[in-house]
Amino acid sequence: MVLREYFFDSYALVELGKSNPAYIKYADCFISITQFNLIEVMYSAFQEWGEGKAKEVYSKFKECVVEVDEGVILKALHLKQKYKKRNLSYADCIGYALAKSKGIPFLTGDKEFEKLDNVEFVK
C-alpha cells in the first residue's frame, strides 16, 4: 500500500496531535510541512504544556519539514495579496503554495481555505 502524501497546515497538525477523530484517518499519511508550521505547532505546545512538549513536537515532526524555495514564497505572497481580506497567515500561504507546487492536497480545518482548489477541508 502506498501512503498518500498531504501538506498539513498547523491546524491539521494540532488536531492530529489532539487525536481529533476527523483527523485520525490521516495519521498514517506521509506528512509534509514547512519550518514555519513546525514553529507554530511548537509554540502552541509550549503555551499549553511547556518546553518539554514543544521539544517532543519538534522531534516528532522535524523530518517532515520540506524546504521552501523563492518560487514558492513568491506564489505565497501573491496568494496573501489576492485574499488579503481573509487575513491568511504567511505560514499557511507558504504551505498552500508548496502543496500546489508539489501536487499534493493541502489539509486544513481553516475556513479561510475551505473553498480553494487543492484543499482537503476537515473540521
N, C-alpha and C. Protein backbone atom coordinates (compact mmCIF):
# COMPACT_ATOMS: atom_id res chain seq x y z
N MET A 1 0.83 -1.18 0.00
CA MET A 1 0.00 0.00 0.00
C MET A 1 0.88 1.25 0.00
N VAL A 2 0.57 2.18 -0.89
CA VAL A 2 1.31 3.43 -0.99
C VAL A 2 0.66 4.45 -0.07
N LEU A 3 1.49 5.09 0.76
CA LEU A 3 0.97 6.11 1.65
C LEU A 3 0.67 7.38 0.86
N ARG A 4 -0.47 7.97 1.12
CA ARG A 4 -0.84 9.22 0.47
C ARG A 4 -0.12 10.36 1.17
N GLU A 5 0.35 11.33 0.40
CA GLU A 5 1.04 12.48 0.97
C GLU A 5 0.09 13.67 1.03
N TYR A 6 0.17 14.39 2.14
CA TYR A 6 -0.60 15.62 2.34
C TYR A 6 0.33 16.68 2.89
N PHE A 7 0.01 17.92 2.56
CA PHE A 7 0.64 19.02 3.28
C PHE A 7 -0.29 19.35 4.44
N PHE A 8 0.20 19.22 5.65
CA PHE A 8 -0.57 19.53 6.85
C PHE A 8 -0.30 20.98 7.24
N ASP A 9 -1.35 21.80 7.32
CA ASP A 9 -1.13 23.12 7.90
C ASP A 9 -1.05 22.96 9.41
N SER A 10 -0.77 24.04 10.10
CA SER A 10 -0.60 23.99 11.55
C SER A 10 -1.86 23.47 12.25
N TYR A 11 -3.01 23.91 11.78
CA TYR A 11 -4.28 23.47 12.36
C TYR A 11 -4.39 21.94 12.27
N ALA A 12 -4.10 21.39 11.11
CA ALA A 12 -4.20 19.94 10.92
C ALA A 12 -3.24 19.18 11.83
N LEU A 13 -2.02 19.70 11.99
CA LEU A 13 -1.06 19.05 12.88
C LEU A 13 -1.55 19.06 14.33
N VAL A 14 -2.08 20.19 14.77
CA VAL A 14 -2.58 20.29 16.14
C VAL A 14 -3.74 19.32 16.36
N GLU A 15 -4.67 19.28 15.40
CA GLU A 15 -5.82 18.38 15.53
C GLU A 15 -5.40 16.91 15.52
N LEU A 16 -4.41 16.57 14.72
CA LEU A 16 -3.89 15.21 14.72
C LEU A 16 -3.28 14.90 16.08
N GLY A 17 -2.54 15.85 16.62
CA GLY A 17 -1.93 15.68 17.94
C GLY A 17 -2.95 15.52 19.05
N LYS A 18 -4.12 16.15 18.89
CA LYS A 18 -5.20 16.04 19.88
C LYS A 18 -6.04 14.78 19.67
N SER A 19 -5.68 13.99 18.67
CA SER A 19 -6.43 12.78 18.31
C SER A 19 -7.88 13.09 17.93
N ASN A 20 -8.07 14.20 17.26
CA ASN A 20 -9.40 14.56 16.75
C ASN A 20 -9.84 13.43 15.82
N PRO A 21 -11.00 12.82 16.08
CA PRO A 21 -11.46 11.70 15.25
C PRO A 21 -11.50 12.01 13.75
N ALA A 22 -11.76 13.24 13.40
CA ALA A 22 -11.82 13.62 11.99
C ALA A 22 -10.45 13.54 11.32
N TYR A 23 -9.38 13.59 12.11
CA TYR A 23 -8.02 13.58 11.56
C TYR A 23 -7.31 12.25 11.73
N ILE A 24 -7.89 11.31 12.46
CA ILE A 24 -7.25 10.02 12.71
C ILE A 24 -6.91 9.30 11.40
N LYS A 25 -7.78 9.40 10.40
CA LYS A 25 -7.52 8.69 9.15
C LYS A 25 -6.29 9.22 8.41
N TYR A 26 -5.76 10.36 8.83
CA TYR A 26 -4.57 10.94 8.21
C TYR A 26 -3.29 10.59 8.97
N ALA A 27 -3.43 9.89 10.08
CA ALA A 27 -2.28 9.59 10.93
C ALA A 27 -1.21 8.77 10.23
N ASP A 28 -1.59 7.93 9.29
CA ASP A 28 -0.62 7.09 8.59
C ASP A 28 -0.18 7.66 7.25
N CYS A 29 -0.57 8.87 6.97
CA CYS A 29 -0.18 9.51 5.70
C CYS A 29 1.23 10.06 5.80
N PHE A 30 1.82 10.29 4.65
CA PHE A 30 3.11 10.96 4.60
C PHE A 30 2.84 12.45 4.79
N ILE A 31 3.44 13.04 5.82
CA ILE A 31 3.18 14.43 6.20
C ILE A 31 4.30 15.33 5.68
N SER A 32 3.91 16.39 4.98
CA SER A 32 4.84 17.45 4.60
C SER A 32 4.42 18.72 5.32
N ILE A 33 5.41 19.46 5.84
CA ILE A 33 5.17 20.74 6.50
C ILE A 33 6.35 21.65 6.17
N THR A 34 6.21 22.93 6.51
CA THR A 34 7.36 23.83 6.43
C THR A 34 7.86 24.07 7.84
N GLN A 35 9.01 24.67 7.92
CA GLN A 35 9.57 25.02 9.22
C GLN A 35 8.64 26.01 9.94
N PHE A 36 7.95 26.84 9.18
CA PHE A 36 7.04 27.81 9.78
C PHE A 36 5.89 27.10 10.51
N ASN A 37 5.35 26.04 9.90
CA ASN A 37 4.29 25.28 10.55
C ASN A 37 4.82 24.59 11.80
N LEU A 38 6.00 24.05 11.70
CA LEU A 38 6.59 23.38 12.86
C LEU A 38 6.74 24.36 14.02
N ILE A 39 7.17 25.57 13.73
CA ILE A 39 7.33 26.59 14.78
C ILE A 39 5.98 26.94 15.39
N GLU A 40 4.95 27.10 14.56
CA GLU A 40 3.62 27.42 15.09
C GLU A 40 3.11 26.32 16.01
N VAL A 41 3.29 25.08 15.61
CA VAL A 41 2.80 23.97 16.42
C VAL A 41 3.63 23.82 17.70
N MET A 42 4.92 24.03 17.59
CA MET A 42 5.76 24.01 18.78
C MET A 42 5.33 25.09 19.77
N TYR A 43 5.03 26.28 19.25
CA TYR A 43 4.60 27.36 20.12
C TYR A 43 3.28 27.03 20.82
N SER A 44 2.38 26.43 20.07
CA SER A 44 1.10 26.02 20.65
C SER A 44 1.32 25.03 21.79
N ALA A 45 2.19 24.05 21.56
CA ALA A 45 2.51 23.06 22.59
C ALA A 45 3.23 23.72 23.78
N PHE A 46 4.11 24.64 23.47
CA PHE A 46 4.85 25.36 24.52
C PHE A 46 3.90 26.14 25.43
N GLN A 47 2.94 26.83 24.82
CA GLN A 47 1.96 27.60 25.60
C GLN A 47 1.11 26.70 26.49
N GLU A 48 0.67 25.59 25.91
CA GLU A 48 -0.26 24.71 26.62
C GLU A 48 0.42 23.80 27.65
N TRP A 49 1.57 23.24 27.28
CA TRP A 49 2.19 22.22 28.14
C TRP A 49 3.65 22.47 28.52
N GLY A 50 4.27 23.50 27.97
CA GLY A 50 5.64 23.83 28.35
C GLY A 50 6.70 23.37 27.36
N GLU A 51 7.92 23.67 27.71
CA GLU A 51 9.06 23.44 26.82
C GLU A 51 9.27 21.97 26.47
N GLY A 52 9.06 21.10 27.42
CA GLY A 52 9.26 19.67 27.17
C GLY A 52 8.38 19.16 26.03
N LYS A 53 7.12 19.55 26.05
CA LYS A 53 6.18 19.13 24.99
C LYS A 53 6.56 19.77 23.66
N ALA A 54 7.01 21.02 23.69
CA ALA A 54 7.44 21.68 22.45
C ALA A 54 8.61 20.92 21.82
N LYS A 55 9.53 20.45 22.64
CA LYS A 55 10.66 19.66 22.14
C LYS A 55 10.20 18.33 21.57
N GLU A 56 9.19 17.71 22.19
CA GLU A 56 8.63 16.46 21.67
C GLU A 56 8.03 16.68 20.28
N VAL A 57 7.30 17.78 20.13
CA VAL A 57 6.69 18.12 18.83
C VAL A 57 7.78 18.27 17.79
N TYR A 58 8.85 18.96 18.14
CA TYR A 58 9.96 19.15 17.21
C TYR A 58 10.54 17.80 16.79
N SER A 59 10.80 16.95 17.76
CA SER A 59 11.38 15.64 17.45
C SER A 59 10.47 14.80 16.56
N LYS A 60 9.17 14.89 16.81
CA LYS A 60 8.22 14.08 16.06
C LYS A 60 8.08 14.53 14.60
N PHE A 61 8.14 15.84 14.36
CA PHE A 61 7.83 16.35 13.03
C PHE A 61 9.00 16.95 12.26
N LYS A 62 10.19 17.00 12.83
CA LYS A 62 11.31 17.65 12.15
C LYS A 62 11.65 17.00 10.81
N GLU A 63 11.44 15.70 10.69
CA GLU A 63 11.74 15.00 9.44
C GLU A 63 10.70 15.27 8.35
N CYS A 64 9.60 15.90 8.72
CA CYS A 64 8.53 16.20 7.76
C CYS A 64 8.73 17.54 7.06
N VAL A 65 9.71 18.32 7.53
CA VAL A 65 9.93 19.67 7.00
C VAL A 65 10.48 19.61 5.59
N VAL A 66 9.83 20.38 4.71
CA VAL A 66 10.22 20.48 3.30
C VAL A 66 10.79 21.88 3.08
N GLU A 67 11.89 21.94 2.34
CA GLU A 67 12.49 23.23 2.03
C GLU A 67 11.57 24.06 1.14
N VAL A 68 11.61 25.35 1.34
CA VAL A 68 10.79 26.29 0.57
C VAL A 68 11.72 27.13 -0.29
N ASP A 69 11.45 27.16 -1.60
CA ASP A 69 12.29 27.96 -2.48
C ASP A 69 11.63 29.32 -2.80
N GLU A 70 12.37 30.15 -3.48
CA GLU A 70 11.91 31.50 -3.80
C GLU A 70 10.61 31.50 -4.60
N GLY A 71 10.47 30.57 -5.54
CA GLY A 71 9.26 30.49 -6.35
C GLY A 71 8.02 30.25 -5.51
N VAL A 72 8.13 29.37 -4.53
CA VAL A 72 7.01 29.08 -3.64
C VAL A 72 6.69 30.31 -2.80
N ILE A 73 7.70 30.97 -2.31
CA ILE A 73 7.48 32.17 -1.49
C ILE A 73 6.77 33.24 -2.31
N LEU A 74 7.18 33.43 -3.55
CA LEU A 74 6.52 34.43 -4.39
C LEU A 74 5.06 34.08 -4.66
N LYS A 75 4.79 32.80 -4.89
CA LYS A 75 3.39 32.36 -5.07
C LYS A 75 2.59 32.61 -3.80
N ALA A 76 3.21 32.39 -2.66
CA ALA A 76 2.53 32.62 -1.37
C ALA A 76 2.21 34.11 -1.19
N LEU A 77 3.13 34.97 -1.60
CA LEU A 77 2.89 36.41 -1.48
C LEU A 77 1.73 36.85 -2.37
N HIS A 78 1.67 36.28 -3.57
CA HIS A 78 0.55 36.59 -4.47
C HIS A 78 -0.78 36.12 -3.85
N LEU A 79 -0.77 34.93 -3.26
CA LEU A 79 -1.97 34.40 -2.62
C LEU A 79 -2.40 35.31 -1.46
N LYS A 80 -1.45 35.70 -0.63
CA LYS A 80 -1.78 36.56 0.52
C LYS A 80 -2.36 37.88 0.04
N GLN A 81 -1.81 38.42 -1.02
CA GLN A 81 -2.33 39.68 -1.55
C GLN A 81 -3.72 39.49 -2.17
N LYS A 82 -3.89 38.42 -2.93
CA LYS A 82 -5.17 38.16 -3.59
C LYS A 82 -6.30 38.02 -2.58
N TYR A 83 -6.03 37.37 -1.46
CA TYR A 83 -7.05 37.12 -0.45
C TYR A 83 -6.80 37.92 0.83
N LYS A 84 -6.33 39.16 0.69
CA LYS A 84 -5.94 39.93 1.86
C LYS A 84 -7.09 40.16 2.85
N LYS A 85 -8.31 40.17 2.38
CA LYS A 85 -9.45 40.35 3.29
C LYS A 85 -9.67 39.12 4.17
N ARG A 86 -9.12 37.99 3.79
CA ARG A 86 -9.27 36.76 4.58
C ARG A 86 -8.26 36.67 5.72
N ASN A 87 -7.28 37.55 5.72
CA ASN A 87 -6.27 37.57 6.78
C ASN A 87 -5.55 36.23 6.94
N LEU A 88 -5.09 35.66 5.83
CA LEU A 88 -4.37 34.39 5.84
C LEU A 88 -2.98 34.58 6.45
N SER A 89 -2.50 33.61 7.18
CA SER A 89 -1.16 33.70 7.76
C SER A 89 -0.12 33.43 6.67
N TYR A 90 1.07 33.99 6.87
CA TYR A 90 2.16 33.73 5.93
C TYR A 90 2.49 32.23 5.90
N ALA A 91 2.51 31.60 7.07
CA ALA A 91 2.83 30.18 7.13
C ALA A 91 1.85 29.36 6.30
N ASP A 92 0.56 29.68 6.40
CA ASP A 92 -0.43 28.94 5.63
C ASP A 92 -0.34 29.23 4.14
N CYS A 93 -0.07 30.47 3.78
CA CYS A 93 0.08 30.81 2.36
C CYS A 93 1.28 30.08 1.75
N ILE A 94 2.37 30.03 2.50
CA ILE A 94 3.55 29.32 2.02
C ILE A 94 3.24 27.83 1.90
N GLY A 95 2.57 27.28 2.89
CA GLY A 95 2.22 25.86 2.84
C GLY A 95 1.30 25.53 1.69
N TYR A 96 0.31 26.38 1.46
CA TYR A 96 -0.63 26.17 0.36
C TYR A 96 0.11 26.22 -0.98
N ALA A 97 0.96 27.22 -1.15
CA ALA A 97 1.73 27.34 -2.39
C ALA A 97 2.66 26.14 -2.58
N LEU A 98 3.25 25.67 -1.51
CA LEU A 98 4.14 24.50 -1.58
C LEU A 98 3.35 23.25 -1.96
N ALA A 99 2.19 23.06 -1.34
CA ALA A 99 1.35 21.90 -1.66
C ALA A 99 0.98 21.90 -3.14
N LYS A 100 0.59 23.05 -3.65
CA LYS A 100 0.22 23.13 -5.07
C LYS A 100 1.42 22.83 -5.96
N SER A 101 2.59 23.34 -5.60
CA SER A 101 3.78 23.11 -6.43
C SER A 101 4.20 21.64 -6.42
N LYS A 102 3.93 20.94 -5.30
CA LYS A 102 4.26 19.51 -5.20
C LYS A 102 3.14 18.61 -5.72
N GLY A 103 1.98 19.20 -5.99
CA GLY A 103 0.85 18.42 -6.47
C GLY A 103 0.24 17.52 -5.41
N ILE A 104 0.26 17.98 -4.16
CA ILE A 104 -0.33 17.22 -3.06
C ILE A 104 -1.43 18.06 -2.41
N PRO A 105 -2.43 17.42 -1.79
CA PRO A 105 -3.50 18.18 -1.15
C PRO A 105 -3.02 18.95 0.08
N PHE A 106 -3.62 20.11 0.28
CA PHE A 106 -3.39 20.96 1.45
C PHE A 106 -4.47 20.60 2.46
N LEU A 107 -4.09 19.99 3.57
CA LEU A 107 -5.03 19.54 4.59
C LEU A 107 -5.18 20.62 5.66
N THR A 108 -6.42 21.05 5.88
CA THR A 108 -6.68 22.12 6.83
C THR A 108 -8.09 22.07 7.37
N GLY A 109 -8.29 22.74 8.47
CA GLY A 109 -9.61 22.99 9.01
C GLY A 109 -9.89 24.48 9.07
N ASP A 110 -9.00 25.25 8.47
CA ASP A 110 -9.11 26.71 8.43
C ASP A 110 -10.15 27.11 7.39
N LYS A 111 -11.25 27.70 7.85
CA LYS A 111 -12.37 28.05 6.96
C LYS A 111 -11.96 29.00 5.84
N GLU A 112 -10.89 29.74 6.03
CA GLU A 112 -10.44 30.69 5.01
C GLU A 112 -9.94 29.97 3.75
N PHE A 113 -9.58 28.71 3.87
CA PHE A 113 -9.07 27.93 2.74
C PHE A 113 -10.12 26.97 2.17
N GLU A 114 -11.25 26.86 2.84
CA GLU A 114 -12.23 25.82 2.53
C GLU A 114 -12.62 25.74 1.05
N LYS A 115 -12.81 26.82 0.40
CA LYS A 115 -13.31 26.82 -0.98
C LYS A 115 -12.21 26.89 -2.05
N LEU A 116 -10.96 26.94 -1.64
CA LEU A 116 -9.87 26.99 -2.62
C LEU A 116 -9.60 25.61 -3.20
N ASP A 117 -9.09 25.60 -4.43
CA ASP A 117 -8.76 24.31 -5.05
C ASP A 117 -7.56 23.68 -4.35
N ASN A 118 -7.42 22.40 -4.48
CA ASN A 118 -6.34 21.62 -3.90
C ASN A 118 -6.38 21.58 -2.36
N VAL A 119 -7.55 21.83 -1.80
CA VAL A 119 -7.70 21.83 -0.34
C VAL A 119 -8.57 20.66 0.09
N GLU A 120 -8.10 19.93 1.08
CA GLU A 120 -8.92 18.94 1.74
C GLU A 120 -9.29 19.54 3.09
N PHE A 121 -10.55 19.98 3.18
CA PHE A 121 -11.02 20.69 4.36
C PHE A 121 -11.65 19.69 5.32
N VAL A 122 -11.14 19.67 6.55
CA VAL A 122 -11.64 18.76 7.58
C VAL A 122 -11.79 19.53 8.87
N LYS A 123 -12.95 19.48 9.45
CA LYS A 123 -13.23 20.20 10.70
C LYS A 123 -13.29 19.24 11.86
